[in-house]
N, C-alpha and C. Protein backbone atom coordinates (compact mmCIF):
# COMPACT_ATOMS: atom_id res chain seq x y z
N UNK A 1 15.53 -14.28 -51.70
CA UNK A 1 14.21 -13.50 -51.48
C UNK A 1 13.43 -14.02 -50.51
N UNK A 2 12.74 -13.42 -49.60
CA UNK A 2 12.15 -13.92 -48.28
C UNK A 2 10.82 -14.30 -48.68
N UNK A 3 10.26 -15.31 -48.19
CA UNK A 3 9.05 -15.71 -48.40
C UNK A 3 7.73 -14.98 -47.78
N UNK A 4 6.84 -14.82 -48.07
CA UNK A 4 5.49 -13.98 -47.42
C UNK A 4 5.51 -14.46 -46.24
N UNK A 5 5.43 -16.01 -45.97
CA UNK A 5 5.10 -16.50 -44.55
C UNK A 5 6.60 -15.92 -43.78
N UNK A 6 7.47 -15.83 -43.92
CA UNK A 6 8.69 -15.50 -43.10
C UNK A 6 8.61 -14.07 -42.89
N UNK A 7 8.20 -13.10 -43.87
CA UNK A 7 7.98 -11.90 -43.37
C UNK A 7 6.74 -11.63 -42.74
N UNK A 8 5.75 -12.52 -42.71
CA UNK A 8 4.73 -12.10 -41.65
C UNK A 8 5.00 -12.52 -40.28
N UNK A 9 5.82 -13.82 -40.27
CA UNK A 9 6.24 -13.95 -38.86
C UNK A 9 7.06 -12.93 -38.05
N UNK A 10 8.05 -12.37 -38.98
CA UNK A 10 8.87 -11.56 -38.47
C UNK A 10 7.80 -10.23 -37.88
N UNK A 11 6.92 -9.75 -38.83
CA UNK A 11 6.16 -8.54 -38.58
C UNK A 11 5.29 -9.18 -37.11
N UNK A 12 4.73 -10.14 -37.17
CA UNK A 12 4.04 -10.60 -35.63
C UNK A 12 4.91 -10.39 -34.77
N UNK A 13 6.21 -11.26 -34.58
CA UNK A 13 7.07 -11.10 -33.73
C UNK A 13 7.59 -9.66 -33.35
N UNK A 14 7.62 -8.60 -34.02
CA UNK A 14 7.85 -7.24 -33.56
C UNK A 14 6.69 -6.67 -32.99
N UNK A 15 5.22 -7.08 -33.29
CA UNK A 15 4.19 -6.66 -32.51
C UNK A 15 3.89 -7.26 -31.33
N UNK A 16 4.51 -8.55 -31.21
CA UNK A 16 4.04 -9.32 -29.74
C UNK A 16 5.36 -8.45 -28.70
N UNK A 17 6.51 -8.26 -29.53
CA UNK A 17 7.58 -7.71 -28.52
C UNK A 17 7.11 -6.41 -28.05
N UNK A 18 6.61 -5.55 -29.11
CA UNK A 18 6.21 -3.94 -28.78
C UNK A 18 4.88 -4.23 -27.86
N UNK A 19 4.14 -4.82 -27.67
CA UNK A 19 2.88 -5.30 -27.08
C UNK A 19 3.41 -5.27 -25.61
N UNK A 20 4.36 -6.57 -25.52
CA UNK A 20 4.83 -6.80 -24.26
C UNK A 20 5.75 -5.51 -23.55
N UNK A 21 6.13 -4.88 -24.37
CA UNK A 21 7.01 -3.69 -23.65
C UNK A 21 5.82 -2.47 -23.22
N UNK A 22 4.70 -2.46 -23.90
CA UNK A 22 3.61 -1.70 -23.71
C UNK A 22 3.27 -1.87 -22.16
N UNK A 23 2.96 -3.34 -22.06
CA UNK A 23 2.22 -3.67 -20.64
C UNK A 23 3.27 -3.29 -19.57
N UNK A 24 4.57 -3.68 -19.88
CA UNK A 24 5.51 -3.49 -18.90
C UNK A 24 5.51 -1.75 -18.56
N UNK A 25 5.62 -0.76 -19.41
CA UNK A 25 5.60 0.45 -19.56
C UNK A 25 4.42 1.07 -18.76
N UNK A 26 3.24 0.37 -18.88
CA UNK A 26 2.06 0.88 -18.46
C UNK A 26 1.85 0.12 -16.93
N UNK A 27 2.71 -0.78 -16.34
CA UNK A 27 2.53 -1.24 -15.28
C UNK A 27 1.40 -2.37 -15.03
N UNK A 28 0.99 -2.49 -13.85
CA UNK A 28 -0.11 -3.55 -13.58
C UNK A 28 -1.60 -2.73 -13.91
N UNK A 29 -2.32 -3.83 -14.39
CA UNK A 29 -3.63 -3.23 -14.45
C UNK A 29 -4.24 -2.60 -13.45
N UNK A 30 -4.77 -1.42 -13.57
CA UNK A 30 -5.68 -0.83 -12.56
C UNK A 30 -7.15 -0.57 -12.77
N UNK A 31 -8.08 -0.97 -12.06
CA UNK A 31 -9.47 -1.29 -12.37
C UNK A 31 -10.19 0.51 -12.45
N UNK A 32 -11.55 0.52 -12.86
CA UNK A 32 -12.09 1.77 -12.86
C UNK A 32 -12.91 1.76 -11.93
N UNK A 33 -12.81 2.73 -10.93
CA UNK A 33 -13.92 2.65 -9.67
C UNK A 33 -14.18 4.17 -9.59
N UNK A 34 -15.53 4.37 -9.51
CA UNK A 34 -16.20 5.79 -9.94
C UNK A 34 -17.30 5.67 -8.50
N UNK A 35 -17.18 6.25 -7.61
CA UNK A 35 -18.08 6.55 -6.16
C UNK A 35 -18.04 7.90 -5.66
N UNK A 36 -18.85 8.53 -5.16
CA UNK A 36 -18.84 9.66 -4.53
C UNK A 36 -18.39 9.67 -2.93
N UNK A 37 -18.47 8.49 -2.55
CA UNK A 37 -18.38 8.13 -0.98
C UNK A 37 -16.91 8.16 -0.74
N UNK A 38 -16.35 8.84 0.48
CA UNK A 38 -15.09 8.47 0.99
C UNK A 38 -14.37 7.28 1.10
N UNK A 39 -13.38 6.86 0.34
CA UNK A 39 -12.86 5.62 0.76
C UNK A 39 -12.53 5.64 2.47
N UNK A 40 -12.53 4.53 2.95
CA UNK A 40 -12.27 4.52 4.40
C UNK A 40 -11.41 3.74 4.50
N UNK A 41 -10.05 4.66 5.02
CA UNK A 41 -8.73 4.00 5.02
C UNK A 41 -8.69 2.88 6.05
N UNK A 42 -9.11 2.92 7.08
CA UNK A 42 -8.91 1.73 8.00
C UNK A 42 -9.78 0.55 7.73
N UNK A 43 -10.87 0.65 7.06
CA UNK A 43 -11.70 -0.56 6.64
C UNK A 43 -11.48 -1.11 5.16
N UNK A 44 -10.86 -0.18 4.16
CA UNK A 44 -11.09 -0.59 2.93
C UNK A 44 -9.49 -0.51 2.42
N UNK A 45 -8.50 0.31 2.84
CA UNK A 45 -7.20 0.17 2.53
C UNK A 45 -6.26 -0.53 3.27
N UNK A 46 -6.53 -0.43 4.56
CA UNK A 46 -5.38 -1.15 5.52
C UNK A 46 -5.68 -2.62 5.43
N UNK A 47 -6.71 -3.24 5.12
CA UNK A 47 -6.64 -4.74 4.69
C UNK A 47 -5.79 -5.11 3.91
N UNK A 48 -5.55 -4.60 2.61
CA UNK A 48 -4.51 -5.10 1.94
C UNK A 48 -3.32 -4.68 1.83
N UNK A 49 -3.16 -3.63 2.76
CA UNK A 49 -1.80 -2.94 2.99
C UNK A 49 -1.33 -3.83 3.91
N UNK A 50 -2.10 -4.38 4.91
CA UNK A 50 -1.65 -5.28 5.90
C UNK A 50 -1.12 -6.73 5.46
N UNK A 51 -2.01 -6.92 4.52
CA UNK A 51 -1.32 -8.30 3.92
C UNK A 51 -0.31 -8.29 2.93
N UNK A 52 -0.11 -7.11 2.26
CA UNK A 52 1.21 -7.19 1.26
C UNK A 52 2.23 -5.93 1.54
N UNK A 53 1.87 -5.25 2.65
CA UNK A 53 3.07 -4.20 2.70
C UNK A 53 3.62 -4.01 4.01
N UNK A 54 2.55 -4.30 5.04
CA UNK A 54 3.00 -3.85 6.67
C UNK A 54 4.02 -4.73 7.05
N UNK A 55 4.26 -5.97 6.62
CA UNK A 55 5.44 -6.95 6.96
C UNK A 55 6.75 -6.31 6.79
N UNK A 56 6.91 -5.57 5.88
CA UNK A 56 8.39 -4.84 5.85
C UNK A 56 8.25 -3.23 6.09
N UNK A 57 7.06 -2.98 6.32
CA UNK A 57 6.98 -1.37 6.36
C UNK A 57 6.09 -1.00 7.69
N UNK A 58 6.65 -1.31 8.81
CA UNK A 58 5.76 -0.83 9.93
C UNK A 58 6.45 -0.21 11.11
N UNK A 59 6.14 -0.06 12.04
CA UNK A 59 6.83 0.91 13.19
C UNK A 59 7.99 0.37 13.76
N UNK A 60 8.00 -1.03 13.79
CA UNK A 60 9.11 -1.78 14.27
C UNK A 60 9.95 -2.35 13.30
N UNK A 61 9.78 -2.51 12.27
CA UNK A 61 10.49 -2.95 11.05
C UNK A 61 10.17 -1.92 9.58
N UNK A 62 10.88 -1.07 9.41
CA UNK A 62 10.63 -0.18 8.33
C UNK A 62 11.70 -0.23 7.43
N UNK A 63 11.65 -1.19 6.29
CA UNK A 63 12.62 -1.06 5.32
C UNK A 63 12.81 0.23 4.55
N UNK A 64 13.85 0.66 4.30
CA UNK A 64 13.99 1.96 3.68
C UNK A 64 13.38 2.94 4.54
N UNK A 65 13.46 2.93 5.86
CA UNK A 65 12.93 3.88 6.58
C UNK A 65 11.68 4.35 6.38
N UNK A 66 10.78 3.46 5.62
CA UNK A 66 9.49 3.53 5.41
C UNK A 66 8.25 2.98 6.30
N UNK A 67 7.49 3.76 6.86
CA UNK A 67 6.57 2.99 7.65
C UNK A 67 5.09 3.38 7.05
N UNK A 68 4.38 2.46 6.67
CA UNK A 68 2.90 2.50 5.93
C UNK A 68 1.81 2.44 6.69
N UNK A 69 1.83 2.23 8.07
CA UNK A 69 0.73 1.99 9.03
C UNK A 69 -0.02 3.22 8.92
N UNK A 70 0.19 4.36 8.63
CA UNK A 70 -0.77 5.64 8.76
C UNK A 70 -0.31 6.49 7.62
N UNK A 71 -1.61 7.53 7.35
CA UNK A 71 -1.35 8.38 6.28
C UNK A 71 -0.12 9.21 6.97
N UNK A 72 -0.07 9.55 8.24
CA UNK A 72 0.78 10.37 8.68
C UNK A 72 2.28 9.90 8.38
N UNK A 73 2.43 8.73 8.91
CA UNK A 73 3.90 8.16 8.43
C UNK A 73 3.96 8.05 6.84
N UNK A 74 3.27 7.70 6.12
CA UNK A 74 3.24 8.23 4.77
C UNK A 74 3.93 9.29 4.38
N UNK A 75 3.26 10.38 4.88
CA UNK A 75 3.80 11.77 4.35
C UNK A 75 5.22 12.22 4.78
N UNK A 76 5.72 11.46 6.07
CA UNK A 76 7.06 11.47 6.35
C UNK A 76 7.77 10.80 5.36
N UNK A 77 7.54 9.57 5.09
CA UNK A 77 8.02 8.90 4.06
C UNK A 77 9.27 8.13 4.48
N UNK A 78 10.20 7.77 3.64
CA UNK A 78 11.44 6.89 4.26
C UNK A 78 12.75 7.71 3.20
N UNK A 79 13.66 6.78 2.84
CA UNK A 79 15.05 7.15 2.27
C UNK A 79 14.56 7.98 0.80
N UNK A 80 13.36 7.33 0.02
CA UNK A 80 13.06 8.02 -1.09
C UNK A 80 12.24 9.14 -1.28
N UNK A 81 11.97 9.65 0.05
CA UNK A 81 10.89 10.68 0.17
C UNK A 81 9.53 10.39 0.61
N UNK A 82 8.53 11.19 0.58
CA UNK A 82 7.32 10.88 1.09
C UNK A 82 6.77 9.84 0.07
N UNK A 83 5.98 8.77 0.62
CA UNK A 83 5.28 7.80 0.02
C UNK A 83 3.82 8.43 -0.37
N UNK A 84 3.31 9.53 -0.10
CA UNK A 84 2.08 9.89 -0.27
C UNK A 84 1.82 11.35 -0.57
N UNK A 85 1.23 11.70 -1.66
CA UNK A 85 1.04 13.16 -2.04
C UNK A 85 -0.33 13.37 -2.19
N UNK A 86 -1.18 13.78 -1.15
CA UNK A 86 -2.47 13.78 -1.30
C UNK A 86 -3.14 14.35 -2.25
N UNK A 87 -4.14 13.74 -2.86
CA UNK A 87 -4.62 14.30 -4.30
C UNK A 87 -4.02 13.74 -5.52
N UNK A 88 -2.71 13.43 -5.58
CA UNK A 88 -1.91 13.15 -6.57
C UNK A 88 -1.47 11.47 -6.63
N UNK A 89 -2.15 10.60 -7.01
CA UNK A 89 -1.56 9.22 -7.05
C UNK A 89 -0.50 9.06 -7.92
N UNK A 90 -0.30 9.84 -9.44
CA UNK A 90 0.76 9.80 -10.07
C UNK A 90 1.88 10.12 -9.57
N UNK A 91 1.79 10.92 -8.36
CA UNK A 91 3.20 11.78 -7.75
C UNK A 91 3.51 11.02 -6.07
N UNK A 92 2.60 9.89 -5.88
CA UNK A 92 2.66 9.24 -4.61
C UNK A 92 3.36 7.97 -5.23
N UNK A 93 4.83 7.61 -4.52
CA UNK A 93 5.53 6.62 -4.57
C UNK A 93 4.35 5.51 -4.19
N UNK A 94 3.74 5.28 -3.01
CA UNK A 94 2.93 4.41 -2.64
C UNK A 94 2.21 3.69 -3.82
N UNK A 95 1.55 4.39 -4.72
CA UNK A 95 0.72 4.20 -5.89
C UNK A 95 1.68 3.40 -6.88
N UNK A 96 2.62 4.36 -7.35
CA UNK A 96 3.50 4.10 -8.31
C UNK A 96 4.39 2.80 -8.20
N UNK A 97 4.96 2.53 -7.08
CA UNK A 97 5.46 1.34 -7.06
C UNK A 97 4.54 0.24 -6.66
N UNK A 98 3.20 0.29 -6.29
CA UNK A 98 2.74 -0.76 -6.04
C UNK A 98 1.92 -1.28 -7.59
N UNK A 99 1.88 -0.18 -8.36
CA UNK A 99 1.09 -0.40 -9.65
C UNK A 99 2.39 -0.62 -10.73
N UNK A 100 3.56 -0.52 -10.37
CA UNK A 100 4.71 -0.98 -11.09
C UNK A 100 4.85 0.06 -11.94
N UNK A 101 4.51 1.18 -11.79
CA UNK A 101 4.90 2.32 -12.65
C UNK A 101 6.16 3.13 -12.53
N UNK A 102 6.91 2.68 -11.24
CA UNK A 102 8.46 3.27 -11.11
C UNK A 102 9.03 2.14 -10.38
N UNK A 103 10.31 2.09 -10.49
CA UNK A 103 11.12 1.06 -9.62
C UNK A 103 11.30 1.87 -8.35
N UNK A 104 11.59 1.18 -7.22
CA UNK A 104 11.50 -0.53 -7.11
C UNK A 104 9.69 -0.85 -6.99
N UNK A 105 9.69 -1.89 -7.66
CA UNK A 105 8.34 -2.38 -7.68
C UNK A 105 8.15 -3.27 -6.30
N UNK A 106 6.70 -2.68 -5.71
CA UNK A 106 6.34 -3.18 -4.58
C UNK A 106 4.98 -4.09 -4.61
N UNK A 107 4.86 -5.29 -3.74
CA UNK A 107 6.04 -5.61 -3.14
C UNK A 107 6.92 -6.45 -4.14
N UNK A 108 8.47 -6.60 -3.54
CA UNK A 108 9.19 -7.22 -4.88
C UNK A 108 9.09 -8.61 -4.84
N UNK A 109 9.39 -9.10 -6.10
CA UNK A 109 9.23 -10.58 -6.29
C UNK A 109 10.08 -11.53 -5.69
N UNK A 110 9.35 -12.66 -5.10
CA UNK A 110 10.34 -13.70 -4.46
C UNK A 110 10.26 -13.32 -2.85
N UNK A 111 9.55 -12.41 -2.23
CA UNK A 111 9.65 -11.99 -1.07
C UNK A 111 9.53 -12.95 0.01
N UNK A 112 10.14 -12.67 1.08
CA UNK A 112 9.90 -13.60 2.30
C UNK A 112 8.51 -13.53 3.02
N UNK A 113 7.66 -12.51 2.61
CA UNK A 113 6.45 -12.40 3.57
C UNK A 113 5.58 -13.03 2.52
N UNK A 114 5.52 -13.61 1.42
CA UNK A 114 4.52 -14.20 0.49
C UNK A 114 3.61 -13.03 0.17
N UNK A 115 3.99 -11.74 0.15
CA UNK A 115 3.07 -10.70 -0.29
C UNK A 115 2.84 -10.85 -1.60
N UNK A 116 1.82 -10.48 -2.25
CA UNK A 116 1.43 -10.38 -3.55
C UNK A 116 1.20 -8.93 -4.17
N UNK A 117 1.27 -8.87 -5.35
CA UNK A 117 1.12 -7.58 -6.12
C UNK A 117 -0.72 -7.34 -5.88
N UNK A 118 -0.82 -6.06 -5.65
CA UNK A 118 -2.17 -5.69 -5.55
C UNK A 118 -2.88 -5.87 -6.78
N UNK A 119 -4.22 -6.34 -6.71
CA UNK A 119 -5.07 -6.67 -7.79
C UNK A 119 -5.83 -5.53 -8.48
N UNK A 120 -6.16 -5.20 -9.56
CA UNK A 120 -6.79 -4.07 -10.11
C UNK A 120 -7.98 -3.67 -9.37
N UNK A 121 -8.30 -4.16 -8.49
CA UNK A 121 -9.57 -3.49 -7.52
C UNK A 121 -8.96 -2.87 -6.43
N UNK A 122 -7.96 -3.38 -5.96
CA UNK A 122 -7.05 -2.99 -4.83
C UNK A 122 -6.60 -1.44 -5.32
N UNK A 123 -5.59 -1.73 -6.64
CA UNK A 123 -5.32 -0.63 -7.17
C UNK A 123 -5.97 0.55 -7.33
N UNK A 124 -7.43 0.14 -7.73
CA UNK A 124 -8.23 1.38 -8.23
C UNK A 124 -8.58 2.27 -6.59
N UNK A 125 -8.78 1.23 -5.77
CA UNK A 125 -9.09 1.73 -4.35
C UNK A 125 -7.84 2.59 -3.72
N UNK A 126 -7.07 2.06 -4.04
CA UNK A 126 -5.88 3.20 -3.39
C UNK A 126 -5.47 4.18 -4.20
N UNK A 127 -5.60 4.12 -5.59
CA UNK A 127 -5.85 5.35 -6.46
C UNK A 127 -6.74 6.29 -6.13
N UNK A 128 -8.11 5.98 -5.92
CA UNK A 128 -9.33 6.73 -5.47
C UNK A 128 -8.72 7.33 -4.09
N UNK A 129 -8.62 6.47 -3.19
CA UNK A 129 -7.98 7.01 -1.69
C UNK A 129 -7.15 8.52 -1.87
N UNK A 130 -6.20 7.94 -2.44
CA UNK A 130 -5.27 9.03 -2.66
C UNK A 130 -5.76 10.45 -3.35
N UNK A 131 -6.57 10.08 -4.47
CA UNK A 131 -7.36 11.33 -5.31
C UNK A 131 -8.16 12.05 -4.07
N UNK A 132 -8.44 11.17 -3.29
CA UNK A 132 -9.90 11.99 -2.34
C UNK A 132 -9.08 12.70 -1.21
N UNK A 133 -7.62 12.57 -1.12
CA UNK A 133 -7.11 13.39 0.06
C UNK A 133 -5.96 12.48 0.66
N UNK A 134 -6.01 11.29 0.67
CA UNK A 134 -5.23 10.58 1.42
C UNK A 134 -5.30 10.51 3.01
N UNK A 135 -6.73 10.62 3.36
CA UNK A 135 -6.95 10.77 4.95
C UNK A 135 -7.27 9.51 5.72
N UNK A 136 -6.99 9.54 6.68
CA UNK A 136 -7.71 8.39 7.57
C UNK A 136 -6.74 8.40 8.90
N UNK A 137 -7.05 7.25 9.80
CA UNK A 137 -6.40 7.07 11.04
C UNK A 137 -5.48 5.78 10.95
N UNK A 138 -4.45 5.38 11.60
CA UNK A 138 -3.98 4.28 11.77
C UNK A 138 -4.73 3.39 12.52
N UNK A 139 -4.53 2.00 12.35
CA UNK A 139 -5.19 1.01 12.87
C UNK A 139 -5.15 0.95 14.42
N UNK A 140 -3.84 1.38 14.86
CA UNK A 140 -3.55 1.46 16.41
C UNK A 140 -4.35 2.49 17.16
N UNK A 141 -4.66 3.53 16.32
CA UNK A 141 -5.35 4.83 16.98
C UNK A 141 -6.83 4.34 16.70
N UNK A 142 -7.05 3.92 15.83
CA UNK A 142 -8.79 3.50 15.93
C UNK A 142 -9.06 2.46 16.88
N UNK A 143 -7.83 1.57 17.17
CA UNK A 143 -8.23 0.60 18.44
C UNK A 143 -8.46 1.07 19.83
N UNK A 144 -8.20 2.26 19.71
CA UNK A 144 -8.18 3.04 21.22
C UNK A 144 -7.32 2.43 22.32
N UNK A 145 -7.63 2.85 23.56
CA UNK A 145 -6.45 2.32 24.71
C UNK A 145 -6.90 0.99 24.97
N UNK A 146 -6.06 0.24 25.36
CA UNK A 146 -6.42 -1.17 25.96
C UNK A 146 -7.13 -0.99 27.32
N UNK A 147 -8.09 -1.65 27.26
CA UNK A 147 -8.70 -1.67 28.68
C UNK A 147 -8.60 -3.06 29.20
N UNK A 148 -7.79 -3.06 30.43
CA UNK A 148 -7.69 -4.48 31.15
C UNK A 148 -8.72 -4.66 32.00
N UNK A 149 -8.81 -6.00 32.36
CA UNK A 149 -9.99 -6.56 32.95
C UNK A 149 -9.46 -7.54 33.70
N UNK A 150 -9.64 -7.87 35.08
CA UNK A 150 -9.35 -8.84 35.80
C UNK A 150 -9.78 -10.33 35.20
N UNK A 151 -8.88 -11.15 35.24
CA UNK A 151 -8.82 -12.61 35.01
C UNK A 151 -9.56 -13.36 35.91
N UNK A 152 -10.44 -14.14 35.93
CA UNK A 152 -10.84 -15.25 36.52
C UNK A 152 -9.85 -15.88 37.05
N UNK A 153 -9.70 -16.13 38.51
CA UNK A 153 -8.65 -16.99 39.12
C UNK A 153 -9.33 -18.20 39.96
N UNK A 154 -8.63 -18.48 41.03
CA UNK A 154 -9.12 -19.25 41.89
C UNK A 154 -9.54 -19.01 43.04
N UNK A 155 -9.40 -17.47 43.13
CA UNK A 155 -10.05 -16.70 44.11
C UNK A 155 -9.43 -17.18 45.66
N UNK A 156 -7.97 -17.38 45.56
CA UNK A 156 -7.31 -17.64 46.88
C UNK A 156 -7.37 -16.54 47.96
N UNK A 157 -7.59 -16.90 49.19
CA UNK A 157 -7.50 -15.79 50.23
C UNK A 157 -6.59 -15.92 50.91
N UNK A 158 -6.10 -14.85 51.35
CA UNK A 158 -4.63 -14.84 51.87
C UNK A 158 -4.76 -14.18 53.33
N UNK A 159 -6.17 -13.68 53.51
CA UNK A 159 -6.34 -13.01 55.11
C UNK A 159 -7.52 -13.63 55.23
N UNK A 160 -7.64 -14.39 56.46
CA UNK A 160 -8.98 -14.69 56.92
C UNK A 160 -9.14 -14.46 58.49
N UNK A 161 -10.26 -13.97 58.93
CA UNK A 161 -10.46 -13.62 60.09
C UNK A 161 -11.96 -14.20 60.52
N UNK A 162 -11.96 -14.98 61.83
CA UNK A 162 -13.21 -15.73 62.15
C UNK A 162 -13.61 -14.91 63.38
N UNK A 163 -14.96 -14.41 63.46
CA UNK A 163 -15.58 -13.65 64.57
C UNK A 163 -15.40 -14.30 65.95
N UNK A 164 -15.54 -13.75 67.21
CA UNK A 164 -15.55 -14.27 68.52
C UNK A 164 -16.27 -15.70 68.56
N UNK A 165 -17.72 -15.22 68.16
CA UNK A 165 -18.63 -16.43 68.36
C UNK A 165 -18.61 -17.39 67.42
N UNK A 166 -17.73 -17.40 66.25
CA UNK A 166 -17.59 -18.10 65.36
C UNK A 166 -18.67 -18.41 64.47
N UNK A 167 -19.14 -17.18 64.43
CA UNK A 167 -20.38 -17.55 63.16
C UNK A 167 -20.03 -17.02 61.91
N UNK A 168 -19.24 -15.90 61.87
CA UNK A 168 -18.65 -15.07 60.52
C UNK A 168 -17.33 -15.48 60.35
N UNK A 169 -17.20 -15.52 58.98
CA UNK A 169 -15.65 -15.46 58.57
C UNK A 169 -15.49 -14.51 57.34
N UNK A 170 -14.45 -13.47 57.54
CA UNK A 170 -14.37 -12.50 56.63
C UNK A 170 -12.94 -12.97 55.87
N UNK A 171 -12.88 -12.88 54.53
CA UNK A 171 -11.69 -13.20 53.76
C UNK A 171 -11.45 -12.18 52.66
N UNK A 172 -10.19 -12.02 52.28
CA UNK A 172 -9.64 -10.86 51.65
C UNK A 172 -9.53 -11.38 50.15
N UNK A 173 -10.05 -10.72 49.21
CA UNK A 173 -9.65 -11.08 47.83
C UNK A 173 -9.28 -9.72 47.08
N UNK A 174 -8.17 -9.37 46.83
CA UNK A 174 -7.86 -8.34 46.18
C UNK A 174 -8.35 -6.98 46.99
N UNK A 175 -9.28 -6.12 46.30
CA UNK A 175 -9.68 -4.94 47.16
C UNK A 175 -11.04 -5.23 47.56
N UNK A 176 -11.40 -6.79 47.57
CA UNK A 176 -12.59 -6.88 48.15
C UNK A 176 -12.77 -7.47 49.58
N UNK A 177 -13.51 -7.36 50.43
CA UNK A 177 -13.72 -8.19 51.72
C UNK A 177 -15.03 -8.91 51.83
N UNK A 178 -14.88 -10.17 51.78
CA UNK A 178 -16.30 -11.09 51.55
C UNK A 178 -16.43 -11.60 53.16
N UNK A 179 -17.58 -11.62 53.69
CA UNK A 179 -18.37 -11.98 54.80
C UNK A 179 -19.10 -13.14 54.70
N UNK A 180 -18.81 -14.24 55.20
CA UNK A 180 -19.30 -15.52 55.10
C UNK A 180 -20.17 -15.91 56.34
N UNK A 181 -21.33 -16.38 56.32
CA UNK A 181 -22.03 -17.01 57.42
C UNK A 181 -21.71 -18.49 57.74
N UNK A 182 -20.81 -19.06 58.75
CA UNK A 182 -20.28 -20.15 58.82
C UNK A 182 -21.58 -21.09 59.18
N UNK A 183 -22.52 -20.69 59.63
CA UNK A 183 -23.80 -21.63 59.93
C UNK A 183 -24.23 -22.15 58.41
N UNK A 184 -24.94 -21.11 57.60
CA UNK A 184 -25.29 -21.36 56.32
C UNK A 184 -24.36 -21.94 55.13
N UNK A 185 -23.09 -21.22 55.29
CA UNK A 185 -22.05 -21.30 54.44
C UNK A 185 -22.51 -20.45 53.12
N UNK A 186 -23.13 -19.52 53.43
CA UNK A 186 -23.53 -18.40 52.42
C UNK A 186 -22.82 -17.28 52.65
N UNK A 187 -22.58 -16.53 51.32
CA UNK A 187 -21.89 -15.09 51.51
C UNK A 187 -22.81 -14.24 52.01
N UNK A 188 -22.50 -13.45 53.06
CA UNK A 188 -23.42 -12.45 53.98
C UNK A 188 -23.20 -11.19 53.33
N UNK A 189 -22.05 -10.71 53.07
CA UNK A 189 -21.96 -9.34 52.65
C UNK A 189 -20.68 -9.47 51.68
N UNK A 190 -20.49 -8.29 50.93
CA UNK A 190 -19.21 -8.07 50.03
C UNK A 190 -19.06 -6.49 50.08
N UNK A 191 -17.64 -6.19 50.73
CA UNK A 191 -17.31 -5.01 50.97
C UNK A 191 -16.27 -4.48 49.82
N UNK A 192 -16.38 -3.40 49.19
CA UNK A 192 -15.44 -3.27 48.02
C UNK A 192 -14.99 -1.89 48.43
N UNK A 193 -13.44 -1.53 48.24
CA UNK A 193 -12.84 -0.42 48.26
C UNK A 193 -13.39 0.72 47.29
N UNK A 194 -13.97 1.64 47.39
CA UNK A 194 -14.51 2.37 46.21
C UNK A 194 -13.45 3.19 45.63
N UNK A 195 -12.21 3.57 46.29
CA UNK A 195 -11.26 4.17 45.67
C UNK A 195 -10.11 3.26 44.85
N UNK A 196 -10.46 1.99 44.81
CA UNK A 196 -9.84 0.99 44.05
C UNK A 196 -10.44 0.77 42.77
N UNK A 197 -9.57 0.33 41.71
CA UNK A 197 -10.51 0.09 40.31
C UNK A 197 -10.59 -1.44 40.30
N UNK A 198 -11.55 -2.00 39.80
CA UNK A 198 -12.10 -3.26 39.92
C UNK A 198 -10.88 -4.34 39.60
N UNK A 199 -10.75 -5.08 40.24
CA UNK A 199 -9.49 -6.07 40.27
C UNK A 199 -8.11 -5.67 41.26
N UNK A 200 -8.19 -4.40 41.38
CA UNK A 200 -6.76 -4.11 41.85
C UNK A 200 -6.58 -4.91 43.40
N UNK A 201 -5.51 -4.93 43.49
CA UNK A 201 -5.16 -5.43 44.97
C UNK A 201 -4.93 -4.58 45.90
N UNK A 202 -4.68 -3.21 45.74
CA UNK A 202 -4.68 -2.25 46.72
C UNK A 202 -4.86 -0.69 46.13
N UNK A 203 -4.57 0.11 46.75
CA UNK A 203 -4.82 1.56 46.22
C UNK A 203 -3.72 2.10 45.59
């Protein structure tokens, strides 16, 4: 005959096991987030994706042929299909795998990138962003074109001419011509080729 204590322990054990299975089935905890304003993909979603997802899912290195750097790439998806279904987080692999609701969990355990599971607030933000349509621009698009600027250097002059009366000296620097008064040592004039861009050496 079993003692009441043993029976109680068995019941508690079953309850704990069922509880653990329930947590696993439900995935990671997702916070509650209610707001009317649109989620900003570049400023709110990209930061935690960059920290935990971009290392393995970018343009240069796309595991599973999946690039997560922009909504457009998410819609294209990878080997398992589209990662994003606008308006439907429970059909979007991005959310399902991040929330551990579907294999394979992302990021994987013991990954080499030291990526961590998304926290409840991040998962709530990701879910709301998808519910709102999953729109946005990639960080590379938002950054805009690179604007090159000339670097400060030692201003070496490779072309020098002295006037016949030895009063003026002209030196060439890139697309600029500097005229110096040799008596005072001051810059007397600066001539710039209007057809050239700043810092260019020639047309």
